[in-house]
């Protein structure tokens, strides 16, 4: 499900994505060299992953038709409870809206560098709210339930950030080195590549 949606989006977005990321990478490298900044692979890779995620999410929420119909819903949980738990629409509309914002919650927390949930809540609320507002004005739907589900996803991402940040402080010295995080990010990217090339199946999604 997620893999298929990813390739549907990528089929439309890849030219923009490639051009944008190449130009951004060149400018970023020039900045680091010109200002004698230290190059940390995992930090730069995290930034590119975040930007890639934002671009793909933009394509998903503004172009790809994932809503059943256009409209305006301000009644909490009205749409959430409309779907059967074992239905494809529940996976797409409910779980999908949660999953899509988990990376947002993690990346936003990572760059804000805070343990205070209120900052993540405000950023996520504004971001999800503007997405729903724009969708309404381009003929899609404004749904308060989507915002609620996005906030749930962002909260999961925030918790992942807190857990990883807490674990980091208790790791052995060598596991707090830059080279160790470089290896982790390479392995993570490798797993993503294996997943999206059908060599790795994650819970059938």
C-alpha atoms as a PDB file:
ATOM      1  CA  UNK A   1       0.000   0.000   0.000  1.00  0.00           C
ATOM      2  CA  UNK A   2       2.622   2.565   1.050  1.00  0.00           C
ATOM      3  CA  UNK A   3       5.064   1.359  -1.608  1.00  0.00           C
ATOM      4  CA  UNK A   4       2.455   1.657  -4.377  1.00  0.00           C
ATOM      5  CA  UNK A   5       1.457   5.144  -3.250  1.00  0.00           C
ATOM      6  CA  UNK A   6       5.123   6.166  -3.140  1.00  0.00           C
ATOM      7  CA  UNK A   7       5.724   5.068  -6.719  1.00  0.00           C
ATOM      8  CA  UNK A   8       2.536   6.774  -7.909  1.00  0.00           C
ATOM      9  CA  UNK A   9       3.779  10.035  -6.416  1.00  0.00           C
ATOM     10  CA  UNK A  10       7.367   9.534  -7.554  1.00  0.00           C
ATOM     11  CA  UNK A  11       6.228   8.911 -11.107  1.00  0.00           C
ATOM     12  CA  UNK A  12       4.988  12.502 -11.227  1.00  0.00           C
ATOM     13  CA  UNK A  13       7.482  14.175  -8.917  1.00  0.00           C
ATOM     14  CA  UNK A  14      10.885  12.672  -9.731  1.00  0.00           C
ATOM     15  CA  UNK A  15      12.043  15.405 -12.204  1.00  0.00           C
ATOM     16  CA  UNK A  16      11.343  18.168  -9.685  1.00  0.00           C
ATOM     17  CA  UNK A  17      12.796  16.088  -6.870  1.00  0.00           C
ATOM     18  CA  UNK A  18      16.064  15.336  -8.703  1.00  0.00           C
ATOM     19  CA  UNK A  19      16.609  18.925  -9.873  1.00  0.00           C
ATOM     20  CA  UNK A  20      15.785  20.407  -6.480  1.00  0.00           C
ATOM     21  CA  UNK A  21      17.955  18.011  -4.482  1.00  0.00           C
ATOM     22  CA  UNK A  22      20.955  18.314  -6.812  1.00  0.00           C
ATOM     23  CA  UNK A  23      20.840  22.126  -6.752  1.00  0.00           C
ATOM     24  CA  UNK A  24      20.346  22.183  -2.982  1.00  0.00           C
ATOM     25  CA  UNK A  25      23.227  19.736  -2.450  1.00  0.00           C
ATOM     26  CA  UNK A  26      25.595  21.807  -4.585  1.00  0.00           C
ATOM     27  CA  UNK A  27      24.682  25.027  -2.768  1.00  0.00           C
ATOM     28  CA  UNK A  28      24.985  23.323   0.615  1.00  0.00           C
ATOM     29  CA  UNK A  29      28.430  21.894  -0.191  1.00  0.00           C
ATOM     30  CA  UNK A  30      29.589  25.278  -1.481  1.00  0.00           C
ATOM     31  CA  UNK A  31      28.391  26.867   1.766  1.00  0.00           C
ATOM     32  CA  UNK A  32      30.253  24.326   3.910  1.00  0.00           C
ATOM     33  CA  UNK A  33      33.473  24.703   1.931  1.00  0.00           C
ATOM     34  CA  UNK A  34      33.334  28.503   1.696  1.00  0.00           C
ATOM     35  CA  UNK A  35      32.604  28.935   5.406  1.00  0.00           C
ATOM     36  CA  UNK A  36      35.022  26.201   6.531  1.00  0.00           C
ATOM     37  CA  UNK A  37      32.213  24.279   8.198  1.00  0.00           C
ATOM     38  CA  UNK A  38      32.662  20.686   9.227  1.00  0.00           C
ATOM     39  CA  UNK A  39      30.935  18.182   6.954  1.00  0.00           C
ATOM     40  CA  UNK A  40      28.869  15.653   8.890  1.00  0.00           C
ATOM     41  CA  UNK A  41      27.366  13.108   6.531  1.00  0.00           C
ATOM     42  CA  UNK A  42      24.487  12.047   8.781  1.00  0.00           C
ATOM     43  CA  UNK A  43      23.371  15.640   9.364  1.00  0.00           C
ATOM     44  CA  UNK A  44      23.410  16.422   5.639  1.00  0.00           C
ATOM     45  CA  UNK A  45      21.645  13.136   4.832  1.00  0.00           C
ATOM     46  CA  UNK A  46      18.967  13.881   7.449  1.00  0.00           C
ATOM     47  CA  UNK A  47      18.372  17.282   5.868  1.00  0.00           C
ATOM     48  CA  UNK A  48      17.990  15.767   2.398  1.00  0.00           C
ATOM     49  CA  UNK A  49      15.645  13.082   3.736  1.00  0.00           C
ATOM     50  CA  UNK A  50      13.510  15.740   5.416  1.00  0.00           C
ATOM     51  CA  UNK A  51      13.315  17.846   2.254  1.00  0.00           C
ATOM     52  CA  UNK A  52      12.533  14.773   0.144  1.00  0.00           C
ATOM     53  CA  UNK A  53       9.769  13.845   2.580  1.00  0.00           C
ATOM     54  CA  UNK A  54       8.274  17.368   2.463  1.00  0.00           C
ATOM     55  CA  UNK A  55       8.289  17.409  -1.356  1.00  0.00           C
ATOM     56  CA  UNK A  56       6.650  13.983  -1.595  1.00  0.00           C
ATOM     57  CA  UNK A  57       4.069  14.911   1.049  1.00  0.00           C
ATOM     58  CA  UNK A  58       3.313  18.115  -0.873  1.00  0.00           C
ATOM     59  CA  UNK A  59       2.651  16.068  -4.002  1.00  0.00           C
ATOM     60  CA  UNK A  60       0.502  13.603  -2.064  1.00  0.00           C
ATOM     61  CA  UNK A  61      -1.741  16.166  -0.375  1.00  0.00           C
ATOM     62  CA  UNK A  62      -2.133  18.590  -3.277  1.00  0.00           C
ATOM     63  CA  UNK A  63      -2.159  16.456  -6.421  1.00  0.00           C
ATOM     64  CA  UNK A  64      -2.851  12.774  -5.800  1.00  0.00           C
ATOM     65  CA  UNK A  65      -6.571  12.094  -5.410  1.00  0.00           C
ATOM     66  CA  UNK A  66      -6.836  10.233  -2.108  1.00  0.00           C
ATOM     67  CA  UNK A  67     -10.100  11.739  -0.855  1.00  0.00           C
ATOM     68  CA  UNK A  68     -13.418  10.154  -1.723  1.00  0.00           C
ATOM     69  CA  UNK A  69     -15.145  13.492  -2.197  1.00  0.00           C
ATOM     70  CA  UNK A  70     -14.640  17.188  -1.578  1.00  0.00           C
ATOM     71  CA  UNK A  71     -16.316  18.903   1.352  1.00  0.00           C
ATOM     72  CA  UNK A  72     -15.914  20.621   4.712  1.00  0.00           C
ATOM     73  CA  UNK A  73     -16.047  18.713   7.986  1.00  0.00           C
ATOM     74  CA  UNK A  74     -15.637  20.348  11.390  1.00  0.00           C
ATOM     75  CA  UNK A  75     -17.166  17.499  13.418  1.00  0.00           C
ATOM     76  CA  UNK A  76     -14.394  15.586  15.226  1.00  0.00           C
ATOM     77  CA  UNK A  77     -14.272  11.806  14.594  1.00  0.00           C
ATOM     78  CA  UNK A  78     -17.168  11.942  12.123  1.00  0.00           C
ATOM     79  CA  UNK A  79     -15.090  10.603   9.235  1.00  0.00           C
ATOM     80  CA  UNK A  80     -12.803   8.413  11.350  1.00  0.00           C
ATOM     81  CA  UNK A  81     -15.684   6.224  12.577  1.00  0.00           C
ATOM     82  CA  UNK A  82     -17.259   6.068   9.114  1.00  0.00           C
ATOM     83  CA  UNK A  83     -14.845   3.376   7.908  1.00  0.00           C
ATOM     84  CA  UNK A  84     -14.696  -0.291   8.859  1.00  0.00           C
ATOM     85  CA  UNK A  85     -11.391  -1.099  10.573  1.00  0.00           C
ATOM     86  CA  UNK A  86     -10.571  -3.877   8.121  1.00  0.00           C
ATOM     87  CA  UNK A  87     -11.432  -1.841   5.021  1.00  0.00           C
ATOM     88  CA  UNK A  88      -9.014  -0.377   2.481  1.00  0.00           C
ATOM     89  CA  UNK A  89     -10.478   3.081   3.108  1.00  0.00           C
ATOM     90  CA  UNK A  90      -9.678   2.815   6.823  1.00  0.00           C
ATOM     91  CA  UNK A  91      -6.054   1.991   5.996  1.00  0.00           C
ATOM     92  CA  UNK A  92      -5.888   4.787   3.436  1.00  0.00           C
ATOM     93  CA  UNK A  93      -7.802   7.538   5.186  1.00  0.00           C
ATOM     94  CA  UNK A  94      -7.168   6.816   8.880  1.00  0.00           C
ATOM     95  CA  UNK A  95      -3.877   4.945   9.176  1.00  0.00           C
ATOM     96  CA  UNK A  96      -2.530   6.790   6.132  1.00  0.00           C
ATOM     97  CA  UNK A  97      -3.070  10.196   7.749  1.00  0.00           C
ATOM     98  CA  UNK A  98      -1.310   8.990  10.885  1.00  0.00           C
ATOM     99  CA  UNK A  99       1.625   7.368   9.117  1.00  0.00           C
ATOM    100  CA  UNK A 100       2.271  10.302   6.790  1.00  0.00           C
ATOM    101  CA  UNK A 101       2.887  12.625   9.756  1.00  0.00           C
ATOM    102  CA  UNK A 102       5.125  10.339  11.827  1.00  0.00           C
ATOM    103  CA  UNK A 103       8.253  11.434   9.882  1.00  0.00           C
ATOM    104  CA  UNK A 104       7.095  15.043  10.216  1.00  0.00           C
ATOM    105  CA  UNK A 105       6.918  14.725  13.996  1.00  0.00           C
ATOM    106  CA  UNK A 106      10.369  13.174  14.142  1.00  0.00           C
ATOM    107  CA  UNK A 107      12.096  15.593  11.768  1.00  0.00           C
ATOM    108  CA  UNK A 108      10.414  18.658  13.272  1.00  0.00           C
ATOM    109  CA  UNK A 109      11.478  17.576  16.770  1.00  0.00           C
ATOM    110  CA  UNK A 110      14.992  16.810  15.549  1.00  0.00           C
ATOM    111  CA  UNK A 111      15.478  20.302  14.116  1.00  0.00           C
ATOM    112  CA  UNK A 112      13.665  22.187  16.871  1.00  0.00           C
ATOM    113  CA  UNK A 113      15.821  20.332  19.425  1.00  0.00           C
ATOM    114  CA  UNK A 114      13.293  20.445  22.228  1.00  0.00           C
ATOM    115  CA  UNK A 115      11.675  18.033  24.666  1.00  0.00           C
ATOM    116  CA  UNK A 116       8.657  20.306  25.068  1.00  0.00           C
ATOM    117  CA  UNK A 117       5.663  18.810  23.268  1.00  0.00           C
ATOM    118  CA  UNK A 118       3.939  22.187  22.951  1.00  0.00           C
ATOM    119  CA  UNK A 119       6.379  23.318  20.227  1.00  0.00           C
ATOM    120  CA  UNK A 120       5.805  20.192  18.175  1.00  0.00           C
ATOM    121  CA  UNK A 121       2.049  20.471  18.730  1.00  0.00           C
ATOM    122  CA  UNK A 122       1.910  24.069  17.477  1.00  0.00           C
ATOM    123  CA  UNK A 123       4.121  23.384  14.443  1.00  0.00           C
ATOM    124  CA  UNK A 124       2.132  20.254  13.526  1.00  0.00           C
ATOM    125  CA  UNK A 125      -1.225  21.948  14.050  1.00  0.00           C
ATOM    126  CA  UNK A 126      -0.296  24.882  11.824  1.00  0.00           C
ATOM    127  CA  UNK A 127       1.240  22.616   9.170  1.00  0.00           C
ATOM    128  CA  UNK A 128      -1.707  20.221   9.052  1.00  0.00           C
ATOM    129  CA  UNK A 129      -4.168  23.117   9.182  1.00  0.00           C
ATOM    130  CA  UNK A 130      -2.593  24.871   6.203  1.00  0.00           C
ATOM    131  CA  UNK A 131      -2.566  21.584   4.267  1.00  0.00           C
ATOM    132  CA  UNK A 132      -6.297  21.079   4.871  1.00  0.00           C
ATOM    133  CA  UNK A 133      -7.060  24.729   4.034  1.00  0.00           C
ATOM    134  CA  UNK A 134      -5.154  24.568   0.748  1.00  0.00           C
ATOM    135  CA  UNK A 135      -6.847  21.271  -0.118  1.00  0.00           C
ATOM    136  CA  UNK A 136     -10.238  22.907   0.325  1.00  0.00           C
ATOM    137  CA  UNK A 137      -9.379  25.767  -2.021  1.00  0.00           C
ATOM    138  CA  UNK A 138      -8.128  23.425  -4.752  1.00  0.00           C
ATOM    139  CA  UNK A 139     -11.300  21.360  -4.791  1.00  0.00           C
ATOM    140  CA  UNK A 140     -10.385  18.776  -2.170  1.00  0.00           C
ATOM    141  CA  UNK A 141     -11.696  18.495   1.403  1.00  0.00           C
ATOM    142  CA  UNK A 142     -11.099  20.295   4.684  1.00  0.00           C
ATOM    143  CA  UNK A 143     -11.484  17.648   7.349  1.00  0.00           C
ATOM    144  CA  UNK A 144     -10.869  18.222  11.055  1.00  0.00           C
ATOM    145  CA  UNK A 145     -10.389  14.467  11.407  1.00  0.00           C
ATOM    146  CA  UNK A 146      -7.372  14.610   9.090  1.00  0.00           C
ATOM    147  CA  UNK A 147      -5.842  17.235  11.361  1.00  0.00           C
ATOM    148  CA  UNK A 148      -6.515  15.067  14.434  1.00  0.00           C
ATOM    149  CA  UNK A 149      -4.938  12.031  12.759  1.00  0.00           C
ATOM    150  CA  UNK A 150      -1.962  14.082  11.566  1.00  0.00           C
ATOM    151  CA  UNK A 151      -1.398  15.271  15.140  1.00  0.00           C
ATOM    152  CA  UNK A 152      -1.489  11.655  16.345  1.00  0.00           C
ATOM    153  CA  UNK A 153       1.138  10.753  13.761  1.00  0.00           C
ATOM    154  CA  UNK A 154       3.300  13.754  14.656  1.00  0.00           C
ATOM    155  CA  UNK A 155       3.039  12.768  18.325  1.00  0.00           C
ATOM    156  CA  UNK A 156       4.342   9.283  17.515  1.00  0.00           C
ATOM    157  CA  UNK A 157       7.231  10.914  15.657  1.00  0.00           C
ATOM    158  CA  UNK A 158       7.925  13.149  18.658  1.00  0.00           C
ATOM    159  CA  UNK A 159       7.987  10.107  20.960  1.00  0.00           C
ATOM    160  CA  UNK A 160      10.402   8.327  18.622  1.00  0.00           C
ATOM    161  CA  UNK A 161      12.671  11.388  18.781  1.00  0.00           C
ATOM    162  CA  UNK A 162      12.506  11.484  22.590  1.00  0.00           C
ATOM    163  CA  UNK A 163      13.261   7.770  22.899  1.00  0.00           C
ATOM    164  CA  UNK A 164      16.211   7.900  20.511  1.00  0.00           C
ATOM    165  CA  UNK A 165      17.537  11.080  22.120  1.00  0.00           C
ATOM    166  CA  UNK A 166      17.290   9.490  25.574  1.00  0.00           C
ATOM    167  CA  UNK A 167      18.972   6.283  24.427  1.00  0.00           C
ATOM    168  CA  UNK A 168      21.797   8.280  22.865  1.00  0.00           C
ATOM    169  CA  UNK A 169      22.916   9.566  26.270  1.00  0.00           C
ATOM    170  CA  UNK A 170      23.255   6.009  27.614  1.00  0.00           C
ATOM    171  CA  UNK A 171      25.116   4.541  24.670  1.00  0.00           C
ATOM    172  CA  UNK A 172      28.796   3.556  24.898  1.00  0.00           C
ATOM    173  CA  UNK A 173      31.232   6.268  23.875  1.00  0.00           C
ATOM    174  CA  UNK A 174      31.992   4.823  20.434  1.00  0.00           C
ATOM    175  CA  UNK A 175      28.248   4.783  19.613  1.00  0.00           C
ATOM    176  CA  UNK A 176      28.091   8.540  20.114  1.00  0.00           C
ATOM    177  CA  UNK A 177      30.700   9.263  17.455  1.00  0.00           C
ATOM    178  CA  UNK A 178      29.896  10.841  14.094  1.00  0.00           C
ATOM    179  CA  UNK A 179      31.119   7.793  12.158  1.00  0.00           C
ATOM    180  CA  UNK A 180      28.630   5.584  14.012  1.00  0.00           C
ATOM    181  CA  UNK A 181      25.697   7.821  13.018  1.00  0.00           C
ATOM    182  CA  UNK A 182      27.025   7.878   9.459  1.00  0.00           C
ATOM    183  CA  UNK A 183      26.794   4.085   9.415  1.00  0.00           C
ATOM    184  CA  UNK A 184      23.275   4.165  10.896  1.00  0.00           C
ATOM    185  CA  UNK A 185      21.996   6.619   8.276  1.00  0.00           C
ATOM    186  CA  UNK A 186      23.601   4.588   5.464  1.00  0.00           C
ATOM    187  CA  UNK A 187      21.906   1.424   6.772  1.00  0.00           C
ATOM    188  CA  UNK A 188      18.592   3.261   7.084  1.00  0.00           C
ATOM    189  CA  UNK A 189      18.779   4.589   3.528  1.00  0.00           C
ATOM    190  CA  UNK A 190      19.785   1.106   2.381  1.00  0.00           C
ATOM    191  CA  UNK A 191      16.690  -0.403   4.036  1.00  0.00           C
ATOM    192  CA  UNK A 192      14.493   2.220   2.382  1.00  0.00           C
ATOM    193  CA  UNK A 193      15.977   1.363  -1.006  1.00  0.00           C
ATOM    194  CA  UNK A 194      15.432  -2.369  -0.405  1.00  0.00           C
ATOM    195  CA  UNK A 195      11.846  -1.706   0.666  1.00  0.00           C
ATOM    196  CA  UNK A 196      10.927   0.477  -2.281  1.00  0.00           C
ATOM    197  CA  UNK A 197      12.580  -1.911  -4.755  1.00  0.00           C
ATOM    198  CA  UNK A 198      10.471  -4.827  -3.445  1.00  0.00           C
ATOM    199  CA  UNK A 199      13.432  -6.666  -1.882  1.00  0.00           C
ATOM    200  CA  UNK A 200      12.096  -6.049   1.614  1.00  0.00           C
ATOM    201  CA  UNK A 201       8.557  -6.472   2.830  1.00  0.00           C
ATOM    202  CA  UNK A 202       7.467  -4.690   6.033  1.00  0.00           C
ATOM    203  CA  UNK A 203       4.274  -6.156   7.521  1.00  0.00           C
ATOM    204  CA  UNK A 204       2.802  -6.448   4.042  1.00  0.00           C
ATOM    205  CA  UNK A 205       2.524  -2.662   3.561  1.00  0.00           C
END
